[in-house]
N, C-alpha and C. Protein backbone atom coordinates (compact mmCIF):
# COMPACT_ATOMS: atom_id res chain seq x y z
N MET A 1 0.84 -1.18 0.00
CA MET A 1 0.00 0.00 0.00
C MET A 1 0.89 1.25 0.00
N LYS A 2 0.56 2.21 -0.83
CA LYS A 2 1.35 3.44 -0.92
C LYS A 2 1.02 4.37 0.24
N SER A 3 2.03 5.08 0.66
CA SER A 3 1.80 6.05 1.72
C SER A 3 1.16 7.30 1.13
N LEU A 4 0.56 8.11 1.96
CA LEU A 4 -0.10 9.33 1.51
C LEU A 4 0.85 10.28 0.78
N PRO A 5 2.06 10.53 1.29
CA PRO A 5 2.98 11.42 0.55
C PRO A 5 3.32 10.89 -0.84
N THR A 6 3.48 9.57 -0.98
CA THR A 6 3.79 8.99 -2.28
C THR A 6 2.62 9.19 -3.24
N LEU A 7 1.41 8.97 -2.76
CA LEU A 7 0.23 9.20 -3.60
C LEU A 7 0.14 10.66 -4.02
N PHE A 8 0.38 11.56 -3.09
CA PHE A 8 0.32 12.99 -3.38
C PHE A 8 1.34 13.37 -4.44
N LEU A 9 2.58 12.89 -4.29
CA LEU A 9 3.62 13.22 -5.27
C LEU A 9 3.29 12.64 -6.64
N GLY A 10 2.69 11.45 -6.68
CA GLY A 10 2.29 10.87 -7.95
C GLY A 10 1.23 11.71 -8.64
N CYS A 11 0.27 12.20 -7.90
CA CYS A 11 -0.77 13.07 -8.46
C CYS A 11 -0.21 14.41 -8.87
N LEU A 12 0.73 14.92 -8.11
CA LEU A 12 1.35 16.20 -8.41
C LEU A 12 2.08 16.15 -9.74
N SER A 13 2.83 15.08 -10.00
CA SER A 13 3.58 15.01 -11.25
C SER A 13 2.63 14.95 -12.44
N LEU A 14 1.49 14.27 -12.32
CA LEU A 14 0.54 14.23 -13.43
C LEU A 14 -0.15 15.57 -13.62
N SER A 15 -0.36 16.30 -12.53
CA SER A 15 -1.04 17.59 -12.67
C SER A 15 -0.16 18.61 -13.37
N LEU A 16 1.16 18.42 -13.34
CA LEU A 16 2.07 19.32 -14.02
C LEU A 16 2.28 18.93 -15.48
N ALA A 17 1.67 17.83 -15.91
CA ALA A 17 1.81 17.34 -17.26
C ALA A 17 0.65 17.85 -18.13
N ASP A 18 0.95 18.07 -19.39
CA ASP A 18 -0.07 18.49 -20.35
C ASP A 18 -0.41 17.31 -21.27
N PRO A 19 -1.69 17.17 -21.65
CA PRO A 19 -2.03 16.14 -22.62
C PRO A 19 -1.53 16.55 -24.01
N ILE A 20 -0.80 15.64 -24.65
CA ILE A 20 -0.25 15.93 -25.98
C ILE A 20 -0.52 14.77 -26.93
N VAL A 21 -0.41 15.06 -28.22
CA VAL A 21 -0.44 14.05 -29.28
C VAL A 21 0.86 14.21 -30.04
N VAL A 22 1.57 13.10 -30.21
CA VAL A 22 2.85 13.10 -30.92
C VAL A 22 2.70 12.21 -32.14
N THR A 23 2.98 12.75 -33.32
CA THR A 23 2.92 11.96 -34.55
C THR A 23 4.24 12.11 -35.31
N TYR A 24 4.57 11.07 -36.06
CA TYR A 24 5.80 11.02 -36.83
C TYR A 24 5.49 10.72 -38.29
N PRO A 25 6.43 11.03 -39.20
CA PRO A 25 6.23 10.69 -40.61
C PRO A 25 6.03 9.18 -40.80
N GLU A 26 5.41 8.83 -41.90
CA GLU A 26 5.05 7.44 -42.18
C GLU A 26 6.26 6.49 -42.18
N ASP A 27 7.41 6.95 -42.62
CA ASP A 27 8.59 6.08 -42.73
C ASP A 27 9.44 6.03 -41.45
N THR A 28 8.93 6.52 -40.35
CA THR A 28 9.67 6.52 -39.09
C THR A 28 9.78 5.10 -38.53
N PRO A 29 10.99 4.67 -38.17
CA PRO A 29 11.15 3.34 -37.58
C PRO A 29 10.49 3.26 -36.20
N PRO A 30 10.01 2.07 -35.83
CA PRO A 30 9.39 1.90 -34.51
C PRO A 30 10.30 2.29 -33.35
N SER A 31 11.60 2.14 -33.52
CA SER A 31 12.53 2.47 -32.43
C SER A 31 12.48 3.95 -32.06
N VAL A 32 12.19 4.82 -33.03
CA VAL A 32 12.10 6.26 -32.75
C VAL A 32 10.89 6.53 -31.86
N LEU A 33 9.76 5.90 -32.16
CA LEU A 33 8.58 6.05 -31.32
C LEU A 33 8.82 5.49 -29.92
N GLU A 34 9.46 4.33 -29.84
CA GLU A 34 9.75 3.73 -28.54
C GLU A 34 10.63 4.64 -27.70
N ASP A 35 11.65 5.24 -28.33
CA ASP A 35 12.53 6.16 -27.60
C ASP A 35 11.75 7.38 -27.09
N ALA A 36 10.85 7.89 -27.90
CA ALA A 36 10.04 9.04 -27.49
C ALA A 36 9.13 8.68 -26.31
N MET A 37 8.50 7.51 -26.37
CA MET A 37 7.63 7.09 -25.28
C MET A 37 8.43 6.87 -23.99
N LYS A 38 9.63 6.31 -24.12
CA LYS A 38 10.49 6.13 -22.95
C LYS A 38 10.86 7.48 -22.34
N SER A 39 11.06 8.48 -23.18
CA SER A 39 11.39 9.83 -22.68
C SER A 39 10.24 10.39 -21.87
N VAL A 40 9.02 10.21 -22.34
CA VAL A 40 7.84 10.69 -21.61
C VAL A 40 7.78 10.04 -20.24
N ILE A 41 7.95 8.73 -20.22
CA ILE A 41 7.85 7.97 -18.97
C ILE A 41 8.99 8.35 -18.01
N SER A 42 10.21 8.49 -18.55
CA SER A 42 11.35 8.82 -17.69
C SER A 42 11.23 10.21 -17.07
N GLU A 43 10.44 11.09 -17.70
CA GLU A 43 10.22 12.43 -17.17
C GLU A 43 8.96 12.50 -16.31
N GLY A 44 8.42 11.34 -15.93
CA GLY A 44 7.26 11.30 -15.04
C GLY A 44 5.92 11.37 -15.74
N GLY A 45 5.91 11.22 -17.06
CA GLY A 45 4.67 11.28 -17.83
C GLY A 45 4.00 9.93 -17.96
N LEU A 46 2.93 9.91 -18.72
CA LEU A 46 2.12 8.72 -18.89
C LEU A 46 1.68 8.61 -20.34
N ILE A 47 1.91 7.47 -20.96
CA ILE A 47 1.42 7.22 -22.31
C ILE A 47 -0.05 6.83 -22.17
N THR A 48 -0.94 7.57 -22.82
CA THR A 48 -2.37 7.28 -22.68
C THR A 48 -2.92 6.47 -23.84
N HIS A 49 -2.24 6.49 -25.00
CA HIS A 49 -2.69 5.70 -26.14
C HIS A 49 -1.59 5.61 -27.18
N LYS A 50 -1.40 4.43 -27.74
CA LYS A 50 -0.48 4.26 -28.87
C LYS A 50 -1.34 4.01 -30.10
N PHE A 51 -1.17 4.83 -31.12
CA PHE A 51 -1.98 4.73 -32.32
C PHE A 51 -1.56 3.54 -33.16
N GLU A 52 -2.52 2.91 -33.83
CA GLU A 52 -2.25 1.74 -34.66
C GLU A 52 -2.12 2.11 -36.14
N LEU A 53 -2.90 3.07 -36.62
CA LEU A 53 -2.92 3.38 -38.05
C LEU A 53 -1.91 4.45 -38.45
N ILE A 54 -1.46 5.22 -37.50
CA ILE A 54 -0.46 6.25 -37.78
C ILE A 54 0.68 6.09 -36.78
N ASN A 55 1.83 6.61 -37.11
CA ASN A 55 2.98 6.56 -36.20
C ASN A 55 2.84 7.64 -35.15
N GLY A 56 2.39 7.25 -33.98
CA GLY A 56 2.25 8.24 -32.94
C GLY A 56 1.62 7.71 -31.68
N PHE A 57 1.45 8.61 -30.73
CA PHE A 57 0.85 8.26 -29.45
C PHE A 57 0.33 9.52 -28.78
N SER A 58 -0.52 9.33 -27.78
CA SER A 58 -0.95 10.45 -26.95
C SER A 58 -0.40 10.20 -25.55
N ALA A 59 -0.19 11.28 -24.83
CA ALA A 59 0.44 11.16 -23.52
C ALA A 59 0.12 12.37 -22.66
N ASP A 60 0.35 12.21 -21.37
CA ASP A 60 0.40 13.33 -20.44
C ASP A 60 1.88 13.53 -20.18
N ALA A 61 2.42 14.65 -20.64
CA ALA A 61 3.86 14.85 -20.60
C ALA A 61 4.24 16.24 -20.10
N SER A 62 5.37 16.30 -19.43
CA SER A 62 5.89 17.58 -18.95
C SER A 62 6.55 18.33 -20.10
N GLU A 63 6.81 19.60 -19.85
CA GLU A 63 7.48 20.43 -20.86
C GLU A 63 8.88 19.90 -21.16
N SER A 64 9.56 19.38 -20.15
CA SER A 64 10.91 18.83 -20.37
C SER A 64 10.86 17.59 -21.26
N ALA A 65 9.82 16.77 -21.12
CA ALA A 65 9.67 15.60 -21.99
C ALA A 65 9.41 16.04 -23.43
N VAL A 66 8.60 17.08 -23.61
CA VAL A 66 8.32 17.59 -24.95
C VAL A 66 9.61 18.10 -25.59
N ARG A 67 10.41 18.81 -24.84
CA ARG A 67 11.69 19.30 -25.37
C ARG A 67 12.60 18.13 -25.74
N GLN A 68 12.62 17.12 -24.91
CA GLN A 68 13.46 15.95 -25.15
C GLN A 68 13.02 15.22 -26.42
N ILE A 69 11.72 15.01 -26.59
CA ILE A 69 11.20 14.35 -27.78
C ILE A 69 11.55 15.15 -29.03
N SER A 70 11.40 16.44 -28.95
CA SER A 70 11.67 17.32 -30.10
C SER A 70 13.12 17.23 -30.57
N ALA A 71 14.03 17.00 -29.64
CA ALA A 71 15.46 16.99 -29.97
C ALA A 71 16.02 15.61 -30.28
N GLN A 72 15.24 14.55 -30.11
CA GLN A 72 15.77 13.20 -30.23
C GLN A 72 16.14 12.79 -31.65
N SER A 73 15.36 13.15 -32.63
CA SER A 73 15.61 12.64 -33.97
C SER A 73 15.61 13.78 -34.99
N ALA A 74 16.76 14.00 -35.61
CA ALA A 74 16.85 15.04 -36.63
C ALA A 74 16.22 14.58 -37.94
N LYS A 75 16.28 13.29 -38.21
CA LYS A 75 15.76 12.76 -39.48
C LYS A 75 14.24 12.61 -39.46
N TYR A 76 13.69 12.22 -38.32
CA TYR A 76 12.24 11.99 -38.21
C TYR A 76 11.66 12.98 -37.21
N ASN A 77 11.31 14.15 -37.70
CA ASN A 77 10.80 15.21 -36.83
C ASN A 77 9.36 14.93 -36.43
N PRO A 78 9.09 14.96 -35.13
CA PRO A 78 7.71 14.73 -34.68
C PRO A 78 6.87 16.01 -34.77
N THR A 79 5.60 15.81 -34.90
CA THR A 79 4.63 16.89 -34.73
C THR A 79 4.04 16.69 -33.34
N ILE A 80 4.16 17.71 -32.50
CA ILE A 80 3.67 17.62 -31.12
C ILE A 80 2.63 18.69 -30.92
N GLU A 81 1.41 18.25 -30.58
CA GLU A 81 0.29 19.18 -30.41
C GLU A 81 -0.39 18.92 -29.06
N LYS A 82 -1.02 19.94 -28.53
CA LYS A 82 -1.84 19.74 -27.34
C LYS A 82 -3.03 18.86 -27.72
N ASP A 83 -3.36 17.94 -26.85
CA ASP A 83 -4.52 17.07 -27.05
C ASP A 83 -5.73 17.78 -26.46
N ILE A 84 -6.67 18.11 -27.30
CA ILE A 84 -7.86 18.82 -26.84
C ILE A 84 -9.11 18.04 -27.23
N SER A 85 -10.17 18.28 -26.52
CA SER A 85 -11.45 17.66 -26.84
C SER A 85 -12.11 18.45 -27.96
N VAL A 86 -12.66 17.72 -28.91
CA VAL A 86 -13.36 18.33 -30.03
C VAL A 86 -14.76 17.72 -30.08
N SER A 87 -15.74 18.55 -30.29
CA SER A 87 -17.11 18.04 -30.40
C SER A 87 -17.82 18.74 -31.54
N ILE A 88 -18.84 18.09 -32.05
CA ILE A 88 -19.68 18.69 -33.08
C ILE A 88 -21.09 18.80 -32.51
N GLN A 89 -21.81 19.82 -32.96
CA GLN A 89 -23.16 20.01 -32.41
C GLN A 89 -24.22 19.65 -33.40
């Protein structure tokens, strides 16, 4: 069972994270995506979905993770956008 301070710190790190969507060009190797997801996790983030039809994923990630992902691959540049809710009326 986790102690109260541990639970609080876990919630705090997620509250400082922004929901993002990261996509890569079609010819991007799987290893580039895996490295990006590992960067999110190592910076205290959470992968919320890995896309099947396109090269990408959604996550709750800190600003430092976003900077790290942006700098990881010069050949396969990611598109990183805020994940927002969209609805039609």
